[in-house]
Structure formats: structure tokens, C-alpha cells
Amino acid sequence: MLGVSLATTNALINRDLHVRYAGAGLQEILPDGTFDLRRHQLIPGRRRMIGNFSRIERYRGEIAALDGGTVRLADGRSIQADTLLWGTGYNLDLGFLDVEGLSGLSHLEDLERRCGSLRW
């Protein structure tokens, strides 16, 4: 829609994200990877989170399980929480579909191999 290549669009979005996060003092929570419109659906804007940034405890890591008010991270840590704002990252998780063969996929490329209609 911008009349530029996808690579250029991705570069512009990523540059904009870095500038916005730096302007708000949020470099600590920049995603580890780069945003890519071929794989990612949501641009991490986080308006409410930014407004309450000083009141939020942040943990980097992968969530392994949610059990009531306990959040168990993949590294073995457990955190008691009354609210989980989100777990973010750019990996795919289709476990909620409860479809054998899809629940273990974590990258769009893996899904593409299983579904021939998802080609860019």
C-alpha cells in the first residue's frame, strides 16, 4: 500500500518501533526479534501497558504454564500474579486449537510446510 517493497516496509516499521520505545524509555521491553509483516500480525503498541509502566513487574522468559494465580516460566521460576497482561513474543502458538500436529509448531514457516495454501 505504501508503494515500497515488503523489506522496506518492515525496515520502516522496525525503525519506528525503536524510536517510539526509546522516546518512551521502554528499550528494556523491545521484542528480541524484528517485526516482519510476513510472519507477525500485531505491531506491539501496548498503549495501556506504557501508561502504567512503572507499576508493572516485568519478566523475560517463556511461559510454560498458567495454574490459577501461578505463572510458571520455562526456566523453572514461578510467579504469583493477579493479572497477566500478556505474554509477548513473535513465536506462533496454536496449542489453543487442540489439533494434533499443529500444537507443537512455533514458527510460521513450520505451519507453511503443513498447509500448502499459506505461501507468500
PDB file of N, CA and C in Angstrom:
ATOM      1  N   MET A   1       0.812  -1.182   0.000  1.00  0.00           N
ATOM      2  CA  MET A   1       0.000   0.000   0.000  1.00  0.00           C
ATOM      3  C   MET A   1       0.868   1.264   0.000  1.00  0.00           C
ATOM      4  N   LEU A   2       2.084   1.154   0.508  1.00  0.00           N
ATOM      5  CA  LEU A   2       2.948   2.321   0.555  1.00  0.00           C
ATOM      6  C   LEU A   2       3.700   2.516  -0.761  1.00  0.00           C
ATOM      7  N   GLY A   3       3.631   1.557  -1.640  1.00  0.00           N
ATOM      8  CA  GLY A   3       4.358   1.647  -2.893  1.00  0.00           C
ATOM      9  C   GLY A   3       5.832   1.307  -2.744  1.00  0.00           C
ATOM     10  N   VAL A   4       6.190   0.634  -1.647  1.00  0.00           N
ATOM     11  CA  VAL A   4       7.569   0.203  -1.440  1.00  0.00           C
ATOM     12  C   VAL A   4       7.573  -1.301  -1.191  1.00  0.00           C
ATOM     13  N   SER A   5       8.746  -1.881  -1.242  1.00  0.00           N
ATOM     14  CA  SER A   5       8.856  -3.328  -1.050  1.00  0.00           C
ATOM     15  C   SER A   5       8.522  -3.714   0.388  1.00  0.00           C
ATOM     16  N   LEU A   6       8.234  -4.998   0.566  1.00  0.00           N
ATOM     17  CA  LEU A   6       7.951  -5.515   1.902  1.00  0.00           C
ATOM     18  C   LEU A   6       9.172  -5.335   2.806  1.00  0.00           C
ATOM     19  N   ALA A   7      10.354  -5.569   2.278  1.00  0.00           N
ATOM     20  CA  ALA A   7      11.572  -5.394   3.074  1.00  0.00           C
ATOM     21  C   ALA A   7      11.699  -3.945   3.555  1.00  0.00           C
ATOM     22  N   THR A   8      11.396  -2.998   2.687  1.00  0.00           N
ATOM     23  CA  THR A   8      11.461  -1.580   3.071  1.00  0.00           C
ATOM     24  C   THR A   8      10.395  -1.262   4.112  1.00  0.00           C
ATOM     25  N   THR A   9       9.189  -1.778   3.933  1.00  0.00           N
ATOM     26  CA  THR A   9       8.117  -1.556   4.901  1.00  0.00           C
ATOM     27  C   THR A   9       8.510  -2.111   6.261  1.00  0.00           C
ATOM     28  N   ASN A  10       9.044  -3.336   6.287  1.00  0.00           N
ATOM     29  CA  ASN A  10       9.490  -3.926   7.550  1.00  0.00           C
ATOM     30  C   ASN A  10      10.573  -3.076   8.203  1.00  0.00           C
ATOM     31  N   ALA A  11      11.527  -2.607   7.413  1.00  0.00           N
ATOM     32  CA  ALA A  11      12.607  -1.778   7.955  1.00  0.00           C
ATOM     33  C   ALA A  11      12.041  -0.486   8.551  1.00  0.00           C
ATOM     34  N   LEU A  12      11.081   0.133   7.872  1.00  0.00           N
ATOM     35  CA  LEU A  12      10.464   1.363   8.379  1.00  0.00           C
ATOM     36  C   LEU A  12       9.710   1.117   9.679  1.00  0.00           C
ATOM     37  N   ILE A  13       8.966   0.019   9.741  1.00  0.00           N
ATOM     38  CA  ILE A  13       8.225  -0.308  10.967  1.00  0.00           C
ATOM     39  C   ILE A  13       9.184  -0.545  12.115  1.00  0.00           C
ATOM     40  N   ASN A  14      10.236  -1.318  11.876  1.00  0.00           N
ATOM     41  CA  ASN A  14      11.183  -1.613  12.947  1.00  0.00           C
ATOM     42  C   ASN A  14      11.908  -0.363  13.424  1.00  0.00           C
ATOM     43  N   ARG A  15      12.285   0.497  12.504  1.00  0.00           N
ATOM     44  CA  ARG A  15      12.934   1.759  12.897  1.00  0.00           C
ATOM     45  C   ARG A  15      11.968   2.597  13.734  1.00  0.00           C
ATOM     46  N   ASP A  16      10.715   2.668  13.306  1.00  0.00           N
ATOM     47  CA  ASP A  16       9.709   3.430  14.047  1.00  0.00           C
ATOM     48  C   ASP A  16       9.499   2.863  15.454  1.00  0.00           C
ATOM     49  N   LEU A  17       9.430   1.527  15.572  1.00  0.00           N
ATOM     50  CA  LEU A  17       9.271   0.916  16.890  1.00  0.00           C
ATOM     51  C   LEU A  17      10.423   1.286  17.816  1.00  0.00           C
ATOM     52  N   HIS A  18      11.650   1.218  17.300  1.00  0.00           N
ATOM     53  CA  HIS A  18      12.804   1.546  18.132  1.00  0.00           C
ATOM     54  C   HIS A  18      12.770   3.013  18.568  1.00  0.00           C
ATOM     55  N   VAL A  19      12.403   3.911  17.667  1.00  0.00           N
ATOM     56  CA  VAL A  19      12.327   5.327  18.009  1.00  0.00           C
ATOM     57  C   VAL A  19      11.237   5.568  19.056  1.00  0.00           C
ATOM     58  N   ARG A  20      10.078   4.963  18.863  1.00  0.00           N
ATOM     59  CA  ARG A  20       8.979   5.154  19.819  1.00  0.00           C
ATOM     60  C   ARG A  20       9.317   4.582  21.190  1.00  0.00           C
ATOM     61  N   TYR A  21       9.879   3.377  21.222  1.00  0.00           N
ATOM     62  CA  TYR A  21      10.235   2.778  22.507  1.00  0.00           C
ATOM     63  C   TYR A  21      11.304   3.604  23.204  1.00  0.00           C
ATOM     64  N   ALA A  22      12.302   4.070  22.468  1.00  0.00           N
ATOM     65  CA  ALA A  22      13.353   4.904  23.059  1.00  0.00           C
ATOM     66  C   ALA A  22      12.764   6.209  23.585  1.00  0.00           C
ATOM     67  N   GLY A  23      11.862   6.818  22.843  1.00  0.00           N
ATOM     68  CA  GLY A  23      11.236   8.065  23.263  1.00  0.00           C
ATOM     69  C   GLY A  23      10.451   7.928  24.544  1.00  0.00           C
ATOM     70  N   ALA A  24       9.905   6.738  24.781  1.00  0.00           N
ATOM     71  CA  ALA A  24       9.127   6.498  25.995  1.00  0.00           C
ATOM     72  C   ALA A  24       9.973   5.843  27.091  1.00  0.00           C
ATOM     73  N   GLY A  25      11.264   5.631  26.821  1.00  0.00           N
ATOM     74  CA  GLY A  25      12.133   4.994  27.815  1.00  0.00           C
ATOM     75  C   GLY A  25      11.840   3.524  28.010  1.00  0.00           C
ATOM     76  N   LEU A  26      11.391   2.857  26.970  1.00  0.00           N
ATOM     77  CA  LEU A  26      10.955   1.458  27.085  1.00  0.00           C
ATOM     78  C   LEU A  26      11.875   0.474  26.360  1.00  0.00           C
ATOM     79  N   GLN A  27      13.127   0.832  26.143  1.00  0.00           N
ATOM     80  CA  GLN A  27      14.020  -0.063  25.414  1.00  0.00           C
ATOM     81  C   GLN A  27      14.119  -1.439  26.071  1.00  0.00           C
ATOM     82  N   GLU A  28      13.943  -1.479  27.382  1.00  0.00           N
ATOM     83  CA  GLU A  28      14.034  -2.724  28.139  1.00  0.00           C
ATOM     84  C   GLU A  28      13.043  -3.784  27.649  1.00  0.00           C
ATOM     85  N   ILE A  29      11.930  -3.361  27.080  1.00  0.00           N
ATOM     86  CA  ILE A  29      10.916  -4.329  26.666  1.00  0.00           C
ATOM     87  C   ILE A  29      10.780  -4.446  25.156  1.00  0.00           C
ATOM     88  N   LEU A  30      11.740  -3.936  24.414  1.00  0.00           N
ATOM     89  CA  LEU A  30      11.699  -4.159  22.967  1.00  0.00           C
ATOM     90  C   LEU A  30      11.724  -5.653  22.706  1.00  0.00           C
ATOM     91  N   PRO A  31      10.936  -6.139  21.764  1.00  0.00           N
ATOM     92  CA  PRO A  31      10.993  -7.564  21.428  1.00  0.00           C
ATOM     93  C   PRO A  31      12.402  -7.954  20.989  1.00  0.00           C
ATOM     94  N   ASP A  32      12.784  -9.189  21.272  1.00  0.00           N
ATOM     95  CA  ASP A  32      14.118  -9.676  20.913  1.00  0.00           C
ATOM     96  C   ASP A  32      14.324  -9.724  19.411  1.00  0.00           C
ATOM     97  N   GLY A  33      13.293 -10.096  18.681  1.00  0.00           N
ATOM     98  CA  GLY A  33      13.412 -10.218  17.234  1.00  0.00           C
ATOM     99  C   GLY A  33      12.899  -8.984  16.524  1.00  0.00           C
ATOM    100  N   THR A  34      12.982  -9.014  15.215  1.00  0.00           N
ATOM    101  CA  THR A  34      12.462  -7.902  14.430  1.00  0.00           C
ATOM    102  C   THR A  34      11.052  -8.229  13.969  1.00  0.00           C
ATOM    103  N   PHE A  35      10.250  -7.194  13.863  1.00  0.00           N
ATOM    104  CA  PHE A  35       8.883  -7.349  13.390  1.00  0.00           C
ATOM    105  C   PHE A  35       8.903  -7.554  11.877  1.00  0.00           C
ATOM    106  N   ASP A  36       8.143  -8.530  11.395  1.00  0.00           N
ATOM    107  CA  ASP A  36       8.108  -8.860   9.972  1.00  0.00           C
ATOM    108  C   ASP A  36       6.652  -9.099   9.577  1.00  0.00           C
ATOM    109  N   LEU A  37       6.125  -8.289   8.676  1.00  0.00           N
ATOM    110  CA  LEU A  37       4.722  -8.400   8.279  1.00  0.00           C
ATOM    111  C   LEU A  37       4.381  -9.744   7.634  1.00  0.00           C
ATOM    112  N   ARG A  38       5.374 -10.487   7.166  1.00  0.00           N
ATOM    113  CA  ARG A  38       5.096 -11.807   6.589  1.00  0.00           C
ATOM    114  C   ARG A  38       4.744 -12.816   7.659  1.00  0.00           C
ATOM    115  N   ARG A  39       5.184 -12.572   8.895  1.00  0.00           N
ATOM    116  CA  ARG A  39       5.001 -13.551   9.960  1.00  0.00           C
ATOM    117  C   ARG A  39       4.176 -13.051  11.132  1.00  0.00           C
ATOM    118  N   HIS A  40       4.150 -11.777  11.356  1.00  0.00           N
ATOM    119  CA  HIS A  40       3.541 -11.228  12.566  1.00  0.00           C
ATOM    120  C   HIS A  40       2.272 -10.464  12.239  1.00  0.00           C
ATOM    121  N   GLN A  41       1.333 -10.566  13.150  1.00  0.00           N
ATOM    122  CA  GLN A  41       0.042  -9.960  12.895  1.00  0.00           C
ATOM    123  C   GLN A  41      -0.168  -8.662  13.651  1.00  0.00           C
ATOM    124  N   LEU A  42       0.463  -8.502  14.786  1.00  0.00           N
ATOM    125  CA  LEU A  42       0.207  -7.338  15.622  1.00  0.00           C
ATOM    126  C   LEU A  42       1.482  -6.530  15.819  1.00  0.00           C
ATOM    127  N   ILE A  43       1.404  -5.252  15.584  1.00  0.00           N
ATOM    128  CA  ILE A  43       2.521  -4.374  15.887  1.00  0.00           C
ATOM    129  C   ILE A  43       2.444  -4.063  17.374  1.00  0.00           C
ATOM    130  N   PRO A  44       3.512  -4.294  18.117  1.00  0.00           N
ATOM    131  CA  PRO A  44       3.447  -4.141  19.577  1.00  0.00           C
ATOM    132  C   PRO A  44       3.343  -2.690  20.015  1.00  0.00           C
ATOM    133  N   GLY A  45       2.118  -2.183  20.151  1.00  0.00           N
ATOM    134  CA  GLY A  45       1.893  -0.812  20.555  1.00  0.00           C
ATOM    135  C   GLY A  45       1.804  -0.649  22.058  1.00  0.00           C
ATOM    136  N   ARG A  46       1.028  -1.487  22.742  1.00  0.00           N
ATOM    137  CA  ARG A  46       1.000  -1.569  24.194  1.00  0.00           C
ATOM    138  C   ARG A  46       0.610  -0.273  24.903  1.00  0.00           C
ATOM    139  N   ARG A  47      -0.407   0.397  24.436  1.00  0.00           N
ATOM    140  CA  ARG A  47      -0.817   1.694  24.978  1.00  0.00           C
ATOM    141  C   ARG A  47      -1.082   1.652  26.484  1.00  0.00           C
ATOM    142  N   ARG A  48      -1.892   0.728  26.961  1.00  0.00           N
ATOM    143  CA  ARG A  48      -2.210   0.665  28.394  1.00  0.00           C
ATOM    144  C   ARG A  48      -0.996   0.306  29.221  1.00  0.00           C
ATOM    145  N   MET A  49      -0.206  -0.631  28.704  1.00  0.00           N
ATOM    146  CA  MET A  49       0.969  -1.029  29.443  1.00  0.00           C
ATOM    147  C   MET A  49       1.923   0.151  29.609  1.00  0.00           C
ATOM    148  N   ILE A  50       2.112   0.917  28.554  1.00  0.00           N
ATOM    149  CA  ILE A  50       3.016   2.058  28.616  1.00  0.00           C
ATOM    150  C   ILE A  50       2.521   3.078  29.639  1.00  0.00           C
ATOM    151  N   GLY A  51       1.224   3.283  29.694  1.00  0.00           N
ATOM    152  CA  GLY A  51       0.661   4.230  30.649  1.00  0.00           C
ATOM    153  C   GLY A  51       0.865   3.832  32.099  1.00  0.00           C
ATOM    154  N   ASN A  52       1.034   2.539  32.356  1.00  0.00           N
ATOM    155  CA  ASN A  52       1.218   2.039  33.733  1.00  0.00           C
ATOM    156  C   ASN A  52       2.571   1.361  33.919  1.00  0.00           C
ATOM    157  N   PHE A  53       3.518   1.729  33.094  1.00  0.00           N
ATOM    158  CA  PHE A  53       4.805   1.033  33.035  1.00  0.00           C
ATOM    159  C   PHE A  53       5.488   0.929  34.399  1.00  0.00           C
ATOM    160  N   SER A  54       5.475   1.974  35.187  1.00  0.00           N
ATOM    161  CA  SER A  54       6.193   1.976  36.461  1.00  0.00           C
ATOM    162  C   SER A  54       5.560   1.031  37.489  1.00  0.00           C
ATOM    163  N   ARG A  55       4.317   0.653  37.307  1.00  0.00           N
ATOM    164  CA  ARG A  55       3.616  -0.218  38.262  1.00  0.00           C
ATOM    165  C   ARG A  55       3.659  -1.690  37.863  1.00  0.00           C
ATOM    166  N   ILE A  56       4.251  -1.999  36.739  1.00  0.00           N
ATOM    167  CA  ILE A  56       4.206  -3.358  36.197  1.00  0.00           C
ATOM    168  C   ILE A  56       5.520  -4.076  36.455  1.00  0.00           C
ATOM    169  N   GLU A  57       5.422  -5.290  37.029  1.00  0.00           N
ATOM    170  CA  GLU A  57       6.602  -6.143  37.162  1.00  0.00           C
ATOM    171  C   GLU A  57       6.785  -6.878  35.844  1.00  0.00           C
ATOM    172  N   ARG A  58       8.003  -6.871  35.329  1.00  0.00           N
ATOM    173  CA  ARG A  58       8.276  -7.481  34.033  1.00  0.00           C
ATOM    174  C   ARG A  58       9.213  -8.661  34.192  1.00  0.00           C
ATOM    175  N   TYR A  59       8.922  -9.733  33.496  1.00  0.00           N
ATOM    176  CA  TYR A  59       9.750 -10.928  33.495  1.00  0.00           C
ATOM    177  C   TYR A  59       9.981 -11.345  32.059  1.00  0.00           C
ATOM    178  N   ARG A  60      11.238 -11.468  31.685  1.00  0.00           N
ATOM    179  CA  ARG A  60      11.544 -12.000  30.357  1.00  0.00           C
ATOM    180  C   ARG A  60      11.621 -13.505  30.474  1.00  0.00           C
ATOM    181  N   GLY A  61      10.968 -14.168  29.593  1.00  0.00           N
ATOM    182  CA  GLY A  61      11.012 -15.622  29.599  1.00  0.00           C
ATOM    183  C   GLY A  61       9.757 -16.175  28.977  1.00  0.00           C
ATOM    184  N   GLU A  62       9.800 -17.431  28.715  1.00  0.00           N
ATOM    185  CA  GLU A  62       8.672 -18.116  28.090  1.00  0.00           C
ATOM    186  C   GLU A  62       7.759 -18.687  29.166  1.00  0.00           C
ATOM    187  N   ILE A  63       6.473 -18.480  29.013  1.00  0.00           N
ATOM    188  CA  ILE A  63       5.500 -19.033  29.950  1.00  0.00           C
ATOM    189  C   ILE A  63       5.296 -20.503  29.614  1.00  0.00           C
ATOM    190  N   ALA A  64       5.548 -21.360  30.605  1.00  0.00           N
ATOM    191  CA  ALA A  64       5.371 -22.795  30.420  1.00  0.00           C
ATOM    192  C   ALA A  64       3.965 -23.230  30.810  1.00  0.00           C
ATOM    193  N   ALA A  65       3.394 -22.586  31.837  1.00  0.00           N
ATOM    194  CA  ALA A  65       2.062 -22.991  32.296  1.00  0.00           C
ATOM    195  C   ALA A  65       1.437 -21.891  33.137  1.00  0.00           C
ATOM    196  N   LEU A  66       0.115 -21.855  33.103  1.00  0.00           N
ATOM    197  CA  LEU A  66      -0.681 -20.996  33.973  1.00  0.00           C
ATOM    198  C   LEU A  66      -1.530 -21.910  34.838  1.00  0.00           C
ATOM    199  N   ASP A  67      -1.451 -21.715  36.153  1.00  0.00           N
ATOM    200  CA  ASP A  67      -2.204 -22.555  37.074  1.00  0.00           C
ATOM    201  C   ASP A  67      -2.815 -21.653  38.133  1.00  0.00           C
ATOM    202  N   GLY A  68      -4.068 -21.280  37.924  1.00  0.00           N
ATOM    203  CA  GLY A  68      -4.704 -20.334  38.832  1.00  0.00           C
ATOM    204  C   GLY A  68      -3.965 -19.012  38.787  1.00  0.00           C
ATOM    205  N   GLY A  69      -3.468 -18.553  39.941  1.00  0.00           N
ATOM    206  CA  GLY A  69      -2.715 -17.310  40.010  1.00  0.00           C
ATOM    207  C   GLY A  69      -1.214 -17.503  39.884  1.00  0.00           C
ATOM    208  N   THR A  70      -0.790 -18.715  39.557  1.00  0.00           N
ATOM    209  CA  THR A  70       0.638 -19.004  39.431  1.00  0.00           C
ATOM    210  C   THR A  70       1.028 -19.061  37.962  1.00  0.00           C
ATOM    211  N   VAL A  71       2.062 -18.308  37.627  1.00  0.00           N
ATOM    212  CA  VAL A  71       2.633 -18.336  36.281  1.00  0.00           C
ATOM    213  C   VAL A  71       3.954 -19.074  36.399  1.00  0.00           C
ATOM    214  N   ARG A  72       4.085 -20.192  35.680  1.00  0.00           N
ATOM    215  CA  ARG A  72       5.339 -20.940  35.684  1.00  0.00           C
ATOM    216  C   ARG A  72       6.087 -20.645  34.395  1.00  0.00           C
ATOM    217  N   LEU A  73       7.321 -20.182  34.543  1.00  0.00           N
ATOM    218  CA  LEU A  73       8.153 -19.879  33.388  1.00  0.00           C
ATOM    219  C   LEU A  73       8.967 -21.103  32.991  1.00  0.00           C
ATOM    220  N   ALA A  74       9.391 -21.134  31.746  1.00  0.00           N
ATOM    221  CA  ALA A  74      10.131 -22.280  31.217  1.00  0.00           C
ATOM    222  C   ALA A  74      11.447 -22.493  31.948  1.00  0.00           C
ATOM    223  N   ASP A  75      12.019 -21.446  32.546  1.00  0.00           N
ATOM    224  CA  ASP A  75      13.291 -21.599  33.257  1.00  0.00           C
ATOM    225  C   ASP A  75      13.099 -22.115  34.681  1.00  0.00           C
ATOM    226  N   GLY A  76      11.847 -22.447  35.054  1.00  0.00           N
ATOM    227  CA  GLY A  76      11.570 -23.025  36.354  1.00  0.00           C
ATOM    228  C   GLY A  76      11.045 -22.047  37.390  1.00  0.00           C
ATOM    229  N   ARG A  77      11.166 -20.744  37.145  1.00  0.00           N
ATOM    230  CA  ARG A  77      10.650 -19.765  38.109  1.00  0.00           C
ATOM    231  C   ARG A  77       9.134 -19.806  38.136  1.00  0.00           C
ATOM    232  N   SER A  78       8.560 -19.541  39.309  1.00  0.00           N
ATOM    233  CA  SER A  78       7.113 -19.411  39.476  1.00  0.00           C
ATOM    234  C   SER A  78       6.821 -18.030  40.033  1.00  0.00           C
ATOM    235  N   ILE A  79       5.780 -17.411  39.513  1.00  0.00           N
ATOM    236  CA  ILE A  79       5.412 -16.059  39.899  1.00  0.00           C
ATOM    237  C   ILE A  79       3.931 -16.069  40.260  1.00  0.00           C
ATOM    238  N   GLN A  80       3.591 -15.482  41.399  1.00  0.00           N
ATOM    239  CA  GLN A  80       2.193 -15.311  41.771  1.00  0.00           C
ATOM    240  C   GLN A  80       1.699 -14.010  41.151  1.00  0.00           C
ATOM    241  N   ALA A  81       0.601 -14.067  40.442  1.00  0.00           N
ATOM    242  CA  ALA A  81       0.097 -12.876  39.762  1.00  0.00           C
ATOM    243  C   ALA A  81      -1.416 -12.818  39.866  1.00  0.00           C
ATOM    244  N   ASP A  82      -1.940 -11.621  40.016  1.00  0.00           N
ATOM    245  CA  ASP A  82      -3.389 -11.471  39.986  1.00  0.00           C
ATOM    246  C   ASP A  82      -3.863 -11.196  38.566  1.00  0.00           C
ATOM    247  N   THR A  83      -2.973 -10.647  37.734  1.00  0.00           N
ATOM    248  CA  THR A  83      -3.314 -10.354  36.348  1.00  0.00           C
ATOM    249  C   THR A  83      -2.086 -10.589  35.481  1.00  0.00           C
ATOM    250  N   LEU A  84      -2.277 -11.267  34.369  1.00  0.00           N
ATOM    251  CA  LEU A  84      -1.223 -11.418  33.380  1.00  0.00           C
ATOM    252  C   LEU A  84      -1.620 -10.544  32.202  1.00  0.00           C
ATOM    253  N   LEU A  85      -0.858  -9.467  31.972  1.00  0.00           N
ATOM    254  CA  LEU A  85      -1.222  -8.550  30.898  1.00  0.00           C
ATOM    255  C   LEU A  85      -1.062  -9.209  29.545  1.00  0.00           C
ATOM    256  N   TRP A  86       0.009  -9.867  29.344  1.00  0.00           N
ATOM    257  CA  TRP A  86       0.226 -10.637  28.127  1.00  0.00           C
ATOM    258  C   TRP A  86       1.552 -11.330  28.215  1.00  0.00           C
ATOM    259  N   GLY A  87       1.670 -12.345  27.418  1.00  0.00           N
ATOM    260  CA  GLY A  87       2.964 -12.936  27.155  1.00  0.00           C
ATOM    261  C   GLY A  87       3.263 -12.565  25.722  1.00  0.00           C
ATOM    262  N   THR A  88       4.349 -11.918  25.475  1.00  0.00           N
ATOM    263  CA  THR A  88       4.615 -11.433  24.138  1.00  0.00           C
ATOM    264  C   THR A  88       5.827 -12.104  23.533  1.00  0.00           C
ATOM    265  N   GLY A  89       5.900 -12.001  22.269  1.00  0.00           N
ATOM    266  CA  GLY A  89       6.984 -12.584  21.510  1.00  0.00           C
ATOM    267  C   GLY A  89       6.491 -12.812  20.106  1.00  0.00           C
ATOM    268  N   TYR A  90       7.356 -13.207  19.267  1.00  0.00           N
ATOM    269  CA  TYR A  90       6.977 -13.354  17.882  1.00  0.00           C
ATOM    270  C   TYR A  90       6.927 -14.806  17.446  1.00  0.00           C
ATOM    271  N   ASN A  91       6.812 -15.716  18.393  1.00  0.00           N
ATOM    272  CA  ASN A  91       6.646 -17.112  18.027  1.00  0.00           C
ATOM    273  C   ASN A  91       5.165 -17.465  17.997  1.00  0.00           C
ATOM    274  N   LEU A  92       4.851 -18.432  17.205  1.00  0.00           N
ATOM    275  CA  LEU A  92       3.486 -18.889  16.995  1.00  0.00           C
ATOM    276  C   LEU A  92       3.119 -19.920  18.053  1.00  0.00           C
ATOM    277  N   ASP A  93       1.911 -19.896  18.551  1.00  0.00           N
ATOM    278  CA  ASP A  93       1.424 -20.916  19.473  1.00  0.00           C
ATOM    279  C   ASP A  93      -0.010 -21.260  19.094  1.00  0.00           C
ATOM    280  N   LEU A  94      -0.185 -22.432  18.518  1.00  0.00           N
ATOM    281  CA  LEU A  94      -1.515 -22.870  18.092  1.00  0.00           C
ATOM    282  C   LEU A  94      -2.101 -23.917  19.027  1.00  0.00           C
ATOM    283  N   GLY A  95      -1.513 -24.061  20.208  1.00  0.00           N
ATOM    284  CA  GLY A  95      -1.981 -25.064  21.158  1.00  0.00           C
ATOM    285  C   GLY A  95      -3.443 -24.925  21.521  1.00  0.00           C
ATOM    286  N   PHE A  96      -3.956 -23.698  21.501  1.00  0.00           N
ATOM    287  CA  PHE A  96      -5.359 -23.464  21.866  1.00  0.00           C
ATOM    288  C   PHE A  96      -6.322 -24.143  20.900  1.00  0.00           C
ATOM    289  N   LEU A  97      -5.850 -24.481  19.691  1.00  0.00           N
ATOM    290  CA  LEU A  97      -6.717 -25.151  18.715  1.00  0.00           C
ATOM    291  C   LEU A  97      -6.941 -26.614  19.058  1.00  0.00           C
ATOM    292  N   ASP A  98      -6.036 -27.178  19.845  1.00  0.00           N
ATOM    293  CA  ASP A  98      -6.110 -28.586  20.227  1.00  0.00           C
ATOM    294  C   ASP A  98      -6.204 -29.490  18.997  1.00  0.00           C
ATOM    295  N   VAL A  99      -5.337 -29.215  18.007  1.00  0.00           N
ATOM    296  CA  VAL A  99      -5.289 -30.004  16.780  1.00  0.00           C
ATOM    297  C   VAL A  99      -3.946 -30.716  16.726  1.00  0.00           C
ATOM    298  N   GLU A 100      -4.003 -32.037  16.710  1.00  0.00           N
ATOM    299  CA  GLU A 100      -2.767 -32.815  16.664  1.00  0.00           C
ATOM    300  C   GLU A 100      -1.942 -32.407  15.441  1.00  0.00           C
ATOM    301  N   GLY A 101      -0.664 -32.222  15.642  1.00  0.00           N
ATOM    302  CA  GLY A 101       0.219 -31.831  14.554  1.00  0.00           C
ATOM    303  C   GLY A 101       0.415 -30.334  14.443  1.00  0.00           C
ATOM    304  N   LEU A 102      -0.474 -29.545  15.017  1.00  0.00           N
ATOM    305  CA  LEU A 102      -0.322 -28.087  14.970  1.00  0.00           C
ATOM    306  C   LEU A 102       0.123 -27.503  16.307  1.00  0.00           C
ATOM    307  N   SER A 103      -0.207 -28.176  17.401  1.00  0.00           N
ATOM    308  CA  SER A 103       0.053 -27.594  18.716  1.00  0.00           C
ATOM    309  C   SER A 103       1.532 -27.432  19.018  1.00  0.00           C
ATOM    310  N   GLY A 104       2.397 -28.176  18.387  1.00  0.00           N
ATOM    311  CA  GLY A 104       3.827 -28.063  18.655  1.00  0.00           C
ATOM    312  C   GLY A 104       4.559 -27.082  17.759  1.00  0.00           C
ATOM    313  N   LEU A 105       3.870 -26.483  16.817  1.00  0.00           N
ATOM    314  CA  LEU A 105       4.528 -25.555  15.896  1.00  0.00           C
ATOM    315  C   LEU A 105       4.778 -24.216  16.575  1.00  0.00           C
ATOM    316  N   SER A 106       5.935 -23.606  16.280  1.00  0.00           N
ATOM    317  CA  SER A 106       6.234 -22.321  16.904  1.00  0.00           C
ATOM    318  C   SER A 106       6.638 -21.247  15.899  1.00  0.00           C
ATOM    319  N   HIS A 107       6.759 -21.600  14.628  1.00  0.00           N
ATOM    320  CA  HIS A 107       7.133 -20.620  13.604  1.00  0.00           C
ATOM    321  C   HIS A 107       6.205 -20.764  12.394  1.00  0.00           C
ATOM    322  N   LEU A 108       5.913 -19.645  11.762  1.00  0.00           N
ATOM    323  CA  LEU A 108       5.028 -19.654  10.615  1.00  0.00           C
ATOM    324  C   LEU A 108       5.565 -20.555   9.508  1.00  0.00           C
ATOM    325  N   GLU A 109       6.867 -20.605   9.369  1.00  0.00           N
ATOM    326  CA  GLU A 109       7.459 -21.461   8.336  1.00  0.00           C
ATOM    327  C   GLU A 109       7.087 -22.928   8.551  1.00  0.00           C
ATOM    328  N   ASP A 110       7.011 -23.360   9.820  1.00  0.00           N
ATOM    329  CA  ASP A 110       6.601 -24.729  10.123  1.00  0.00           C
ATOM    330  C   ASP A 110       5.152 -24.969   9.713  1.00  0.00           C
ATOM    331  N   LEU A 111       4.302 -23.969   9.942  1.00  0.00           N
ATOM    332  CA  LEU A 111       2.904 -24.074   9.554  1.00  0.00           C
ATOM    333  C   LEU A 111       2.768 -24.108   8.031  1.00  0.00           C
ATOM    334  N   GLU A 112       3.558 -23.309   7.337  1.00  0.00           N
ATOM    335  CA  GLU A 112       3.520 -23.283   5.875  1.00  0.00           C
ATOM    336  C   GLU A 112       3.795 -24.661   5.277  1.00  0.00           C
ATOM    337  N   ARG A 113       4.719 -25.380   5.888  1.00  0.00           N
ATOM    338  CA  ARG A 113       5.061 -26.712   5.375  1.00  0.00           C
ATOM    339  C   ARG A 113       3.873 -27.675   5.471  1.00  0.00           C
ATOM    340  N   ARG A 114       3.003 -27.435   6.435  1.00  0.00           N
ATOM    341  CA  ARG A 114       1.844 -28.323   6.650  1.00  0.00           C
ATOM    342  C   ARG A 114       0.610 -27.859   5.876  1.00  0.00           C
ATOM    343  N   CYS A 115       0.546 -26.577   5.535  1.00  0.00           N
ATOM    344  CA  CYS A 115      -0.637 -26.014   4.871  1.00  0.00           C
ATOM    345  C   CYS A 115      -0.195 -25.342   3.574  1.00  0.00           C
ATOM    346  N   GLY A 116      -0.322 -26.018   2.478  1.00  0.00           N
ATOM    347  CA  GLY A 116       0.164 -25.505   1.206  1.00  0.00           C
ATOM    348  C   GLY A 116      -0.432 -24.184   0.777  1.00  0.00           C
ATOM    349  N   SER A 117      -1.533 -23.766   1.368  1.00  0.00           N
ATOM    350  CA  SER A 117      -2.158 -22.516   0.932  1.00  0.00           C
ATOM    351  C   SER A 117      -1.510 -21.292   1.547  1.00  0.00           C
ATOM    352  N   LEU A 118      -0.639 -21.473   2.536  1.00  0.00           N
ATOM    353  CA  LEU A 118      -0.005 -20.341   3.190  1.00  0.00           C
ATOM    354  C   LEU A 118       1.351 -20.063   2.566  1.00  0.00           C
ATOM    355  N   ARG A 119       1.366 -19.489   1.412  1.00  0.00           N
ATOM    356  CA  ARG A 119       2.612 -19.161   0.711  1.00  0.00           C
ATOM    357  C   ARG A 119       2.644 -17.686   0.407  1.00  0.00           C
ATOM    358  N   TRP A 120       3.819 -17.093   0.559  1.00  0.00           N
ATOM    359  CA  TRP A 120       3.976 -15.669   0.283  1.00  0.00           C
ATOM    360  C   TRP A 120       4.549 -15.513  -1.063  1.00  0.00           C
TER     361      TRP A 120
END
